[in-house]
Amino acid sequence: MYDSSLILEDKEFLPNERKVRNELVADKADWQYQLSARCLQLAVSDLGKAWKSFLNKAQPDWGKPQFKSKKAPRQGFKNDRAKIVNNYDQIVIEDLDVKRMQMSHVASKGLQQSLFGCFRQVLNYKCQWYGKELFLADRFYPGTQRCSRCGFVKTGDDKIGLDGNMKHKTRHNEYVCYECGAVMDRDENAVMNLMALI
C-alpha cells in the first residue's frame, strides 16, 4: 500500500488501520483461526497509530522510526546503586517474594517494571567488587510485623496488610505495637528491624 502510494503519488493508497484490517479479515491465514481475534485487533490498532505518526510530515522527526527503549527502567540502577554502595560499608535488603506481591494486573505490571531481582543482582555484584558487605533478610523475616522496640511479632488477625489492619482499624503505613504501645511509621519500624540484622 505504501509503495503503491509512492509510485502513483496518490494519498488514497496510503495504509491505514481500516484498510489493513479489512484485507486481513477478507483473506484469513491459518494462525488467525488458531488465536483470538483480539490479537489481530490490537496489532492493527498499534500499526494504525504508528502509521499516523510516520506519515504525518508535521512531526519534528518525520521519517525516523522511534522505538521504546528496553533499557529505560534500568537507568535508575546506576545512580541508586552508586549512592548506596559508595556511601555505606554494610547494606541490608529484603528477599522479596515478588510473585505473591502481584495481587492485580495493575500492581503486577509496576512490580515487573521495578525489576527487584535485577536490582538485587547488580547490588550483590557491586558489593563484592568494592568489598562491601551485603546482608539478605530471609523472605519470611517479619520485618514489618515485628516491633523494633520490644521485639513483639504480630500474628493472625493482628498482622498489618497492604490495606492496614481491619481488626484494630490501623492504616497501612502506621505500626502500633499491642505489647508495649509504641506507635511509629511502618517503614521506619521495618528499617530498624533490618538494621538489627547487621
N, C-alpha and C. Protein backbone atom coordinates (compact mmCIF):
# COMPACT_ATOMS: atom_id res chain seq x y z
N MET A 1 0.83 -1.21 0.00
CA MET A 1 0.00 0.00 0.00
C MET A 1 0.86 1.26 0.00
N TYR A 2 1.88 1.23 0.84
CA TYR A 2 2.76 2.38 0.95
C TYR A 2 3.55 2.58 -0.34
N ASP A 3 4.07 1.47 -0.89
CA ASP A 3 4.84 1.55 -2.14
C ASP A 3 3.98 2.05 -3.30
N SER A 4 2.75 1.54 -3.37
CA SER A 4 1.87 1.98 -4.46
C SER A 4 1.51 3.45 -4.33
N SER A 5 1.38 3.94 -3.10
CA SER A 5 1.10 5.36 -2.90
C SER A 5 2.27 6.23 -3.36
N LEU A 6 3.50 5.71 -3.17
CA LEU A 6 4.68 6.46 -3.62
C LEU A 6 4.81 6.43 -5.14
N ILE A 7 4.56 5.26 -5.72
CA ILE A 7 4.71 5.12 -7.18
C ILE A 7 3.65 5.94 -7.91
N LEU A 8 2.41 5.81 -7.45
CA LEU A 8 1.31 6.50 -8.13
C LEU A 8 1.09 7.93 -7.62
N GLU A 9 1.83 8.28 -6.55
CA GLU A 9 1.73 9.61 -5.93
C GLU A 9 0.28 9.95 -5.59
N ASP A 10 -0.38 8.99 -4.98
CA ASP A 10 -1.78 9.17 -4.60
C ASP A 10 -1.93 8.84 -3.11
N LYS A 11 -2.40 9.80 -2.34
CA LYS A 11 -2.51 9.62 -0.88
C LYS A 11 -3.61 8.62 -0.50
N GLU A 12 -4.52 8.35 -1.42
CA GLU A 12 -5.60 7.42 -1.11
C GLU A 12 -5.10 5.99 -0.95
N PHE A 13 -3.92 5.70 -1.48
CA PHE A 13 -3.36 4.35 -1.36
C PHE A 13 -2.55 4.15 -0.08
N LEU A 14 -2.37 5.23 0.70
CA LEU A 14 -1.59 5.12 1.94
C LEU A 14 -2.25 4.12 2.89
N PRO A 15 -1.46 3.34 3.61
CA PRO A 15 -2.05 2.35 4.53
C PRO A 15 -2.67 3.02 5.75
N ASN A 16 -3.77 2.45 6.21
CA ASN A 16 -4.36 2.88 7.47
C ASN A 16 -4.96 1.65 8.16
N GLU A 17 -5.42 1.86 9.36
CA GLU A 17 -5.90 0.74 10.19
C GLU A 17 -7.05 -0.01 9.54
N ARG A 18 -7.99 0.73 9.00
CA ARG A 18 -9.20 0.10 8.46
C ARG A 18 -8.89 -0.74 7.21
N LYS A 19 -8.06 -0.20 6.30
CA LYS A 19 -7.73 -0.92 5.07
C LYS A 19 -7.04 -2.25 5.37
N VAL A 20 -6.07 -2.20 6.28
CA VAL A 20 -5.30 -3.41 6.60
C VAL A 20 -6.17 -4.44 7.30
N ARG A 21 -7.02 -3.97 8.22
CA ARG A 21 -7.91 -4.89 8.93
C ARG A 21 -8.85 -5.59 7.95
N ASN A 22 -9.42 -4.83 7.02
CA ASN A 22 -10.36 -5.40 6.04
C ASN A 22 -9.66 -6.43 5.16
N GLU A 23 -8.42 -6.13 4.78
CA GLU A 23 -7.68 -7.05 3.91
C GLU A 23 -7.33 -8.34 4.64
N LEU A 24 -6.92 -8.22 5.91
CA LEU A 24 -6.55 -9.40 6.69
C LEU A 24 -7.77 -10.26 7.04
N VAL A 25 -8.90 -9.61 7.26
CA VAL A 25 -10.12 -10.36 7.59
C VAL A 25 -10.66 -11.06 6.34
N ALA A 26 -10.56 -10.40 5.19
CA ALA A 26 -11.06 -10.99 3.94
C ALA A 26 -10.27 -12.22 3.52
N ASP A 27 -8.96 -12.19 3.78
CA ASP A 27 -8.10 -13.30 3.36
C ASP A 27 -7.36 -13.83 4.60
N LYS A 28 -8.06 -14.62 5.41
CA LYS A 28 -7.51 -15.06 6.69
C LYS A 28 -6.43 -16.12 6.51
N ALA A 29 -5.37 -15.99 7.32
CA ALA A 29 -4.31 -17.01 7.36
C ALA A 29 -4.66 -18.05 8.42
N ASP A 30 -3.91 -19.16 8.44
CA ASP A 30 -4.19 -20.25 9.39
C ASP A 30 -4.05 -19.80 10.84
N TRP A 31 -3.05 -18.94 11.11
CA TRP A 31 -2.81 -18.53 12.51
C TRP A 31 -3.96 -17.70 13.05
N GLN A 32 -4.72 -17.04 12.16
CA GLN A 32 -5.83 -16.21 12.61
C GLN A 32 -6.99 -17.06 13.15
N TYR A 33 -7.09 -18.28 12.69
CA TYR A 33 -8.13 -19.18 13.20
C TYR A 33 -7.73 -19.79 14.55
N GLN A 34 -6.43 -19.89 14.77
CA GLN A 34 -5.94 -20.52 16.00
C GLN A 34 -5.93 -19.56 17.19
N LEU A 35 -5.71 -18.28 16.94
CA LEU A 35 -5.61 -17.29 18.02
C LEU A 35 -6.89 -16.47 18.13
N SER A 36 -6.98 -15.72 19.20
CA SER A 36 -8.13 -14.85 19.41
C SER A 36 -8.11 -13.70 18.41
N ALA A 37 -9.28 -13.23 18.03
CA ALA A 37 -9.38 -12.11 17.09
C ALA A 37 -8.82 -10.83 17.70
N ARG A 38 -8.78 -10.80 19.03
CA ARG A 38 -8.28 -9.60 19.73
C ARG A 38 -6.80 -9.37 19.43
N CYS A 39 -6.04 -10.44 19.21
CA CYS A 39 -4.61 -10.30 18.89
C CYS A 39 -4.43 -9.47 17.62
N LEU A 40 -5.22 -9.78 16.62
CA LEU A 40 -5.14 -9.05 15.35
C LEU A 40 -5.62 -7.61 15.53
N GLN A 41 -6.69 -7.43 16.29
CA GLN A 41 -7.23 -6.08 16.51
C GLN A 41 -6.20 -5.18 17.17
N LEU A 42 -5.53 -5.69 18.20
CA LEU A 42 -4.53 -4.89 18.91
C LEU A 42 -3.32 -4.59 18.03
N ALA A 43 -2.88 -5.59 17.27
CA ALA A 43 -1.72 -5.39 16.39
C ALA A 43 -2.02 -4.35 15.32
N VAL A 44 -3.19 -4.44 14.70
CA VAL A 44 -3.57 -3.49 13.65
C VAL A 44 -3.79 -2.10 14.24
N SER A 45 -4.33 -2.03 15.45
CA SER A 45 -4.53 -0.74 16.12
C SER A 45 -3.19 -0.05 16.38
N ASP A 46 -2.21 -0.81 16.88
CA ASP A 46 -0.87 -0.25 17.11
C ASP A 46 -0.23 0.20 15.80
N LEU A 47 -0.40 -0.60 14.75
CA LEU A 47 0.14 -0.22 13.44
C LEU A 47 -0.51 1.06 12.93
N GLY A 48 -1.82 1.19 13.15
CA GLY A 48 -2.53 2.39 12.72
C GLY A 48 -1.98 3.64 13.37
N LYS A 49 -1.71 3.56 14.68
CA LYS A 49 -1.13 4.70 15.41
C LYS A 49 0.27 5.02 14.88
N ALA A 50 1.04 3.96 14.62
CA ALA A 50 2.40 4.16 14.12
C ALA A 50 2.39 4.81 12.74
N TRP A 51 1.46 4.39 11.86
CA TRP A 51 1.37 4.96 10.52
C TRP A 51 0.98 6.43 10.58
N LYS A 52 0.06 6.77 11.48
CA LYS A 52 -0.36 8.18 11.60
C LYS A 52 0.84 9.07 11.92
N SER A 53 1.69 8.60 12.83
CA SER A 53 2.88 9.37 13.20
C SER A 53 3.89 9.38 12.06
N PHE A 54 4.07 8.23 11.40
CA PHE A 54 5.08 8.10 10.35
C PHE A 54 4.72 8.94 9.12
N LEU A 55 3.43 8.96 8.78
CA LEU A 55 3.00 9.66 7.57
C LEU A 55 2.70 11.13 7.79
N ASN A 56 2.76 11.58 9.04
CA ASN A 56 2.50 12.98 9.35
C ASN A 56 3.81 13.77 9.23
N LYS A 57 3.95 14.55 8.17
CA LYS A 57 5.20 15.27 7.94
C LYS A 57 5.38 16.44 8.88
N ALA A 58 4.34 16.79 9.63
CA ALA A 58 4.45 17.89 10.59
C ALA A 58 5.22 17.47 11.84
N GLN A 59 5.43 16.17 12.00
CA GLN A 59 6.18 15.68 13.17
C GLN A 59 7.62 16.18 13.10
N PRO A 60 8.23 16.53 14.28
CA PRO A 60 9.61 17.05 14.26
C PRO A 60 10.63 16.06 13.70
N ASP A 61 10.50 14.78 14.00
CA ASP A 61 11.42 13.77 13.49
C ASP A 61 10.72 12.90 12.46
N TRP A 62 10.11 13.53 11.46
CA TRP A 62 9.33 12.79 10.47
C TRP A 62 10.24 11.86 9.68
N GLY A 63 9.78 10.62 9.46
CA GLY A 63 10.53 9.66 8.67
C GLY A 63 11.53 8.86 9.47
N LYS A 64 11.72 9.22 10.76
CA LYS A 64 12.66 8.48 11.60
C LYS A 64 11.85 7.62 12.58
N PRO A 65 11.96 6.32 12.49
CA PRO A 65 11.19 5.48 13.43
C PRO A 65 11.72 5.62 14.85
N GLN A 66 10.81 5.60 15.83
CA GLN A 66 11.19 5.68 17.24
C GLN A 66 10.76 4.39 17.93
N PHE A 67 11.67 3.81 18.67
CA PHE A 67 11.41 2.56 19.36
C PHE A 67 11.48 2.77 20.86
N LYS A 68 10.70 1.99 21.59
CA LYS A 68 10.76 2.05 23.05
C LYS A 68 12.06 1.40 23.51
N SER A 69 12.74 2.06 24.43
CA SER A 69 14.00 1.52 24.93
C SER A 69 13.72 0.53 26.05
N LYS A 70 14.27 -0.67 25.92
CA LYS A 70 14.12 -1.65 27.00
C LYS A 70 15.05 -1.35 28.15
N LYS A 71 16.01 -0.47 27.94
CA LYS A 71 16.96 -0.13 28.99
C LYS A 71 16.42 0.95 29.93
N ALA A 72 15.36 1.63 29.52
CA ALA A 72 14.85 2.77 30.28
C ALA A 72 14.58 2.45 31.76
N PRO A 73 13.89 1.34 32.11
CA PRO A 73 13.64 1.07 33.53
C PRO A 73 14.90 0.82 34.34
N ARG A 74 15.98 0.37 33.67
CA ARG A 74 17.20 0.03 34.40
C ARG A 74 18.12 1.24 34.62
N GLN A 75 17.81 2.38 34.00
CA GLN A 75 18.72 3.52 34.08
C GLN A 75 18.91 3.99 35.52
N GLY A 76 17.85 3.90 36.32
CA GLY A 76 17.93 4.36 37.70
C GLY A 76 18.88 3.54 38.55
N PHE A 77 19.15 2.30 38.15
CA PHE A 77 20.02 1.42 38.92
C PHE A 77 21.42 2.00 39.08
N LYS A 78 21.91 2.67 38.04
CA LYS A 78 23.27 3.19 38.08
C LYS A 78 23.42 4.21 39.20
N ASN A 79 22.49 5.15 39.26
CA ASN A 79 22.56 6.19 40.28
C ASN A 79 22.28 5.64 41.68
N ASP A 80 21.21 4.83 41.80
CA ASP A 80 20.84 4.29 43.11
C ASP A 80 21.93 3.37 43.65
N ARG A 81 22.43 2.49 42.80
CA ARG A 81 23.48 1.56 43.23
C ARG A 81 24.72 2.31 43.64
N ALA A 82 25.10 3.34 42.88
CA ALA A 82 26.32 4.10 43.18
C ALA A 82 26.20 4.80 44.54
N LYS A 83 25.05 5.40 44.81
CA LYS A 83 24.84 6.09 46.09
C LYS A 83 24.91 5.12 47.26
N ILE A 84 24.26 3.97 47.10
CA ILE A 84 24.21 3.00 48.20
C ILE A 84 25.58 2.39 48.45
N VAL A 85 26.22 1.88 47.41
CA VAL A 85 27.49 1.17 47.57
C VAL A 85 28.62 2.11 47.98
N ASN A 86 28.63 3.33 47.45
CA ASN A 86 29.71 4.27 47.78
C ASN A 86 29.59 4.85 49.19
N ASN A 87 28.37 4.99 49.69
CA ASN A 87 28.18 5.67 50.98
C ASN A 87 28.12 4.73 52.19
N TYR A 88 27.90 3.42 51.96
CA TYR A 88 27.72 2.52 53.09
C TYR A 88 28.61 1.28 52.94
N ASP A 89 29.17 0.82 54.07
CA ASP A 89 30.00 -0.38 54.07
C ASP A 89 29.18 -1.64 54.29
N GLN A 90 28.05 -1.50 54.99
CA GLN A 90 27.17 -2.64 55.26
C GLN A 90 25.76 -2.30 54.78
N ILE A 91 25.20 -3.17 53.96
CA ILE A 91 23.90 -2.91 53.34
C ILE A 91 22.99 -4.11 53.61
N VAL A 92 21.73 -3.82 53.96
CA VAL A 92 20.74 -4.88 54.21
C VAL A 92 19.58 -4.69 53.24
N ILE A 93 19.17 -5.76 52.56
CA ILE A 93 17.98 -5.74 51.72
C ILE A 93 17.12 -6.95 52.03
N GLU A 94 15.85 -6.87 51.65
CA GLU A 94 14.93 -7.99 51.87
C GLU A 94 14.87 -8.87 50.62
N ASP A 95 14.70 -10.16 50.85
CA ASP A 95 14.47 -11.11 49.76
C ASP A 95 12.95 -11.15 49.54
N LEU A 96 12.45 -10.34 48.62
CA LEU A 96 11.01 -10.20 48.43
C LEU A 96 10.44 -11.31 47.56
N ASP A 97 9.24 -11.75 47.91
CA ASP A 97 8.51 -12.73 47.11
C ASP A 97 7.63 -11.96 46.14
N VAL A 98 8.20 -11.57 45.00
CA VAL A 98 7.52 -10.69 44.06
C VAL A 98 6.27 -11.33 43.48
N LYS A 99 6.29 -12.65 43.25
CA LYS A 99 5.14 -13.34 42.68
C LYS A 99 3.90 -13.17 43.55
N ARG A 100 4.08 -13.28 44.85
CA ARG A 100 2.92 -13.16 45.75
C ARG A 100 2.49 -11.70 45.93
N MET A 101 3.40 -10.77 45.64
CA MET A 101 3.06 -9.35 45.76
C MET A 101 2.21 -8.88 44.58
N GLN A 102 2.18 -9.65 43.49
CA GLN A 102 1.43 -9.26 42.30
C GLN A 102 -0.04 -9.64 42.47
N MET A 103 -0.78 -8.82 43.21
CA MET A 103 -2.17 -9.14 43.52
C MET A 103 -3.11 -8.84 42.36
N SER A 104 -2.86 -7.78 41.62
CA SER A 104 -3.72 -7.43 40.50
C SER A 104 -2.85 -7.17 39.27
N HIS A 105 -3.49 -7.11 38.09
CA HIS A 105 -2.72 -6.90 36.87
C HIS A 105 -2.06 -5.52 36.85
N VAL A 106 -2.65 -4.53 37.56
CA VAL A 106 -2.06 -3.20 37.62
C VAL A 106 -0.80 -3.23 38.49
N ALA A 107 -0.91 -3.85 39.67
CA ALA A 107 0.23 -3.94 40.57
C ALA A 107 1.33 -4.80 39.98
N SER A 108 0.96 -5.86 39.29
CA SER A 108 1.96 -6.78 38.74
C SER A 108 2.81 -6.09 37.67
N LYS A 109 2.19 -5.24 36.87
CA LYS A 109 2.95 -4.54 35.83
C LYS A 109 3.98 -3.59 36.47
N GLY A 110 3.57 -2.88 37.51
CA GLY A 110 4.50 -1.97 38.20
C GLY A 110 5.64 -2.71 38.86
N LEU A 111 5.33 -3.86 39.45
CA LEU A 111 6.37 -4.66 40.11
C LEU A 111 7.35 -5.24 39.11
N GLN A 112 6.85 -5.66 37.95
CA GLN A 112 7.74 -6.20 36.93
C GLN A 112 8.66 -5.13 36.38
N GLN A 113 8.14 -3.91 36.23
CA GLN A 113 8.95 -2.82 35.70
C GLN A 113 9.98 -2.33 36.72
N SER A 114 9.70 -2.54 38.01
CA SER A 114 10.65 -2.08 39.02
C SER A 114 11.88 -2.98 39.09
N LEU A 115 11.80 -4.21 38.59
CA LEU A 115 12.95 -5.11 38.45
C LEU A 115 13.70 -5.32 39.77
N PHE A 116 12.98 -5.81 40.78
CA PHE A 116 13.60 -6.07 42.08
C PHE A 116 14.76 -7.06 41.97
N GLY A 117 14.53 -8.13 41.21
CA GLY A 117 15.56 -9.17 41.07
C GLY A 117 16.82 -8.65 40.42
N CYS A 118 16.65 -7.82 39.40
CA CYS A 118 17.80 -7.25 38.70
C CYS A 118 18.57 -6.30 39.61
N PHE A 119 17.83 -5.51 40.40
CA PHE A 119 18.48 -4.57 41.33
C PHE A 119 19.30 -5.33 42.37
N ARG A 120 18.73 -6.40 42.89
CA ARG A 120 19.44 -7.21 43.88
C ARG A 120 20.71 -7.81 43.28
N GLN A 121 20.61 -8.30 42.05
CA GLN A 121 21.76 -8.91 41.37
C GLN A 121 22.88 -7.90 41.16
N VAL A 122 22.52 -6.70 40.70
CA VAL A 122 23.51 -5.64 40.46
C VAL A 122 24.14 -5.20 41.77
N LEU A 123 23.32 -5.05 42.80
CA LEU A 123 23.83 -4.62 44.11
C LEU A 123 24.78 -5.66 44.70
N ASN A 124 24.43 -6.93 44.58
CA ASN A 124 25.28 -8.01 45.08
C ASN A 124 26.64 -8.02 44.37
N TYR A 125 26.61 -7.84 43.05
CA TYR A 125 27.84 -7.82 42.25
C TYR A 125 28.73 -6.65 42.65
N LYS A 126 28.15 -5.46 42.80
CA LYS A 126 28.94 -4.27 43.12
C LYS A 126 29.48 -4.32 44.55
N CYS A 127 28.72 -4.92 45.47
CA CYS A 127 29.21 -5.06 46.84
C CYS A 127 30.45 -5.97 46.88
N GLN A 128 30.42 -7.04 46.10
CA GLN A 128 31.59 -7.92 46.03
C GLN A 128 32.77 -7.19 45.37
N TRP A 129 32.47 -6.40 44.35
CA TRP A 129 33.51 -5.68 43.60
C TRP A 129 34.23 -4.66 44.49
N TYR A 130 33.47 -3.92 45.31
CA TYR A 130 34.04 -2.87 46.15
C TYR A 130 34.34 -3.32 47.58
N GLY A 131 34.14 -4.61 47.87
CA GLY A 131 34.46 -5.14 49.19
C GLY A 131 33.49 -4.70 50.28
N LYS A 132 32.24 -4.49 49.94
CA LYS A 132 31.22 -4.10 50.92
C LYS A 132 30.42 -5.34 51.32
N GLU A 133 29.79 -5.28 52.50
CA GLU A 133 29.00 -6.41 53.00
C GLU A 133 27.53 -6.23 52.65
N LEU A 134 26.94 -7.26 52.06
CA LEU A 134 25.51 -7.23 51.74
C LEU A 134 24.80 -8.31 52.54
N PHE A 135 23.87 -7.90 53.39
CA PHE A 135 23.08 -8.83 54.20
C PHE A 135 21.71 -8.98 53.55
N LEU A 136 21.26 -10.23 53.43
CA LEU A 136 19.97 -10.52 52.81
C LEU A 136 19.02 -11.06 53.87
N ALA A 137 17.97 -10.28 54.15
CA ALA A 137 16.96 -10.74 55.12
C ALA A 137 16.14 -11.86 54.50
N ASP A 138 15.85 -12.88 55.28
CA ASP A 138 15.08 -14.02 54.78
C ASP A 138 13.71 -13.56 54.30
N ARG A 139 13.17 -14.30 53.32
CA ARG A 139 11.87 -13.97 52.74
C ARG A 139 10.76 -13.97 53.78
N PHE A 140 10.90 -14.80 54.81
CA PHE A 140 9.86 -14.92 55.84
C PHE A 140 10.21 -14.14 57.11
N TYR A 141 11.24 -13.30 57.05
CA TYR A 141 11.61 -12.47 58.20
C TYR A 141 10.51 -11.43 58.43
N PRO A 142 9.95 -11.37 59.65
CA PRO A 142 8.80 -10.47 59.89
C PRO A 142 9.23 -9.02 60.11
N GLY A 143 9.84 -8.40 59.11
CA GLY A 143 10.36 -7.03 59.25
C GLY A 143 9.27 -6.02 59.54
N THR A 144 8.11 -6.16 58.88
CA THR A 144 7.03 -5.20 59.07
C THR A 144 6.12 -5.57 60.24
N GLN A 145 6.18 -6.82 60.70
CA GLN A 145 5.30 -7.28 61.78
C GLN A 145 5.95 -7.24 63.16
N ARG A 146 7.28 -7.13 63.21
CA ARG A 146 8.00 -7.13 64.49
C ARG A 146 8.16 -5.70 65.03
N CYS A 147 7.98 -5.53 66.32
CA CYS A 147 8.19 -4.23 66.95
C CYS A 147 9.70 -4.04 67.15
N SER A 148 10.24 -2.94 66.67
CA SER A 148 11.69 -2.70 66.77
C SER A 148 12.11 -2.31 68.18
N ARG A 149 11.17 -2.00 69.07
CA ARG A 149 11.50 -1.61 70.44
C ARG A 149 11.47 -2.80 71.42
N CYS A 150 10.37 -3.56 71.37
CA CYS A 150 10.25 -4.66 72.34
C CYS A 150 10.41 -6.05 71.71
N GLY A 151 10.33 -6.16 70.38
CA GLY A 151 10.51 -7.45 69.71
C GLY A 151 9.25 -8.27 69.55
N PHE A 152 8.09 -7.71 69.90
CA PHE A 152 6.82 -8.41 69.77
C PHE A 152 6.49 -8.59 68.29
N VAL A 153 6.08 -9.82 67.89
CA VAL A 153 5.75 -10.13 66.50
C VAL A 153 4.24 -10.34 66.37
N LYS A 154 3.63 -9.61 65.45
CA LYS A 154 2.18 -9.73 65.23
C LYS A 154 1.89 -10.99 64.43
N THR A 155 0.82 -11.69 64.81
CA THR A 155 0.41 -12.91 64.10
C THR A 155 -1.10 -12.90 63.90
N GLY A 156 -1.57 -13.72 62.98
CA GLY A 156 -3.01 -13.88 62.76
C GLY A 156 -3.71 -12.61 62.33
N ASP A 157 -4.79 -12.27 63.05
CA ASP A 157 -5.60 -11.09 62.70
C ASP A 157 -4.92 -9.78 63.06
N ASP A 158 -3.86 -9.85 63.87
CA ASP A 158 -3.16 -8.63 64.29
C ASP A 158 -2.18 -8.12 63.23
N LYS A 159 -1.89 -8.93 62.21
CA LYS A 159 -0.91 -8.55 61.20
C LYS A 159 -1.35 -7.32 60.40
N ILE A 160 -0.35 -6.57 59.92
CA ILE A 160 -0.62 -5.42 59.05
C ILE A 160 -0.53 -5.90 57.60
N GLY A 161 -1.54 -5.57 56.80
CA GLY A 161 -1.51 -5.89 55.37
C GLY A 161 -1.36 -4.62 54.55
N LEU A 162 -1.53 -4.75 53.24
CA LEU A 162 -1.44 -3.57 52.38
C LEU A 162 -2.61 -2.61 52.60
N ASP A 163 -3.70 -3.11 53.17
CA ASP A 163 -4.85 -2.27 53.50
C ASP A 163 -4.86 -1.85 54.97
N GLY A 164 -3.79 -2.14 55.69
CA GLY A 164 -3.76 -1.84 57.12
C GLY A 164 -4.27 -3.03 57.91
N ASN A 165 -4.84 -2.76 59.09
CA ASN A 165 -5.41 -3.82 59.92
C ASN A 165 -6.86 -3.51 60.21
N MET A 166 -7.76 -4.37 59.70
CA MET A 166 -9.20 -4.12 59.86
C MET A 166 -9.67 -4.31 61.30
N LYS A 167 -9.03 -5.25 61.99
CA LYS A 167 -9.45 -5.56 63.36
C LYS A 167 -9.19 -4.38 64.30
N HIS A 168 -8.00 -3.77 64.17
CA HIS A 168 -7.62 -2.66 65.06
C HIS A 168 -7.78 -1.30 64.40
N LYS A 169 -8.30 -1.26 63.17
CA LYS A 169 -8.57 -0.02 62.43
C LYS A 169 -7.32 0.85 62.28
N THR A 170 -6.20 0.23 61.92
CA THR A 170 -4.98 0.99 61.69
C THR A 170 -4.73 1.10 60.19
N ARG A 171 -4.03 2.16 59.79
CA ARG A 171 -3.72 2.39 58.39
C ARG A 171 -2.53 1.52 57.98
N HIS A 172 -2.33 1.39 56.64
CA HIS A 172 -1.27 0.53 56.12
C HIS A 172 0.13 1.08 56.41
N ASN A 173 0.23 2.41 56.64
CA ASN A 173 1.56 2.99 56.82
C ASN A 173 1.92 3.27 58.28
N GLU A 174 1.10 2.81 59.22
CA GLU A 174 1.44 3.03 60.63
C GLU A 174 1.57 1.69 61.37
N TYR A 175 2.51 1.67 62.30
CA TYR A 175 2.74 0.47 63.10
C TYR A 175 2.38 0.77 64.56
N VAL A 176 1.47 -0.02 65.10
CA VAL A 176 1.08 0.12 66.52
C VAL A 176 1.38 -1.20 67.20
N CYS A 177 2.25 -1.16 68.19
CA CYS A 177 2.60 -2.38 68.92
C CYS A 177 1.54 -2.62 70.00
N TYR A 178 1.00 -3.83 70.04
CA TYR A 178 -0.04 -4.17 71.01
C TYR A 178 0.56 -4.67 72.33
N GLU A 179 1.89 -4.75 72.38
CA GLU A 179 2.56 -5.22 73.59
C GLU A 179 3.06 -4.03 74.42
N CYS A 180 3.86 -3.14 73.77
CA CYS A 180 4.43 -2.00 74.52
C CYS A 180 3.73 -0.69 74.20
N GLY A 181 2.82 -0.68 73.21
CA GLY A 181 2.06 0.53 72.89
C GLY A 181 2.80 1.52 72.00
N ALA A 182 3.93 1.14 71.43
CA ALA A 182 4.69 2.05 70.57
C ALA A 182 3.94 2.32 69.27
N VAL A 183 3.96 3.59 68.86
CA VAL A 183 3.33 4.00 67.61
C VAL A 183 4.40 4.64 66.73
N MET A 184 4.57 4.10 65.52
CA MET A 184 5.60 4.63 64.62
C MET A 184 5.22 4.36 63.17
N ASP A 185 5.99 4.92 62.27
CA ASP A 185 5.78 4.67 60.84
C ASP A 185 6.17 3.23 60.50
N ARG A 186 5.38 2.60 59.68
CA ARG A 186 5.61 1.18 59.35
C ARG A 186 6.97 0.97 58.67
N ASP A 187 7.33 1.86 57.75
CA ASP A 187 8.59 1.72 57.03
C ASP A 187 9.79 1.95 57.95
N GLU A 188 9.67 2.94 58.83
CA GLU A 188 10.76 3.21 59.79
C GLU A 188 10.97 2.01 60.71
N ASN A 189 9.87 1.40 61.15
CA ASN A 189 9.96 0.22 62.00
C ASN A 189 10.64 -0.94 61.26
N ALA A 190 10.28 -1.12 59.98
CA ALA A 190 10.88 -2.19 59.18
C ALA A 190 12.38 -1.96 58.98
N VAL A 191 12.76 -0.69 58.77
CA VAL A 191 14.19 -0.35 58.60
C VAL A 191 14.97 -0.66 59.86
N MET A 192 14.39 -0.33 61.02
CA MET A 192 15.08 -0.61 62.30
C MET A 192 15.25 -2.11 62.49
N ASN A 193 14.25 -2.89 62.09
CA ASN A 193 14.35 -4.35 62.20
C ASN A 193 15.41 -4.91 61.26
N LEU A 194 15.52 -4.35 60.06
CA LEU A 194 16.54 -4.80 59.12
C LEU A 194 17.95 -4.42 59.60
N MET A 195 18.07 -3.24 60.19
CA MET A 195 19.37 -2.81 60.71
C MET A 195 19.84 -3.68 61.87
N ALA A 196 18.89 -4.28 62.58
CA ALA A 196 19.23 -5.16 63.69
C ALA A 196 19.89 -6.45 63.21
N LEU A 197 19.78 -6.76 61.91
CA LEU A 197 20.40 -7.97 61.37
C LEU A 197 21.91 -7.79 61.15
N ILE A 198 22.39 -6.56 61.11
CA ILE A 198 23.82 -6.31 60.87
C ILE A 198 24.64 -6.64 62.10
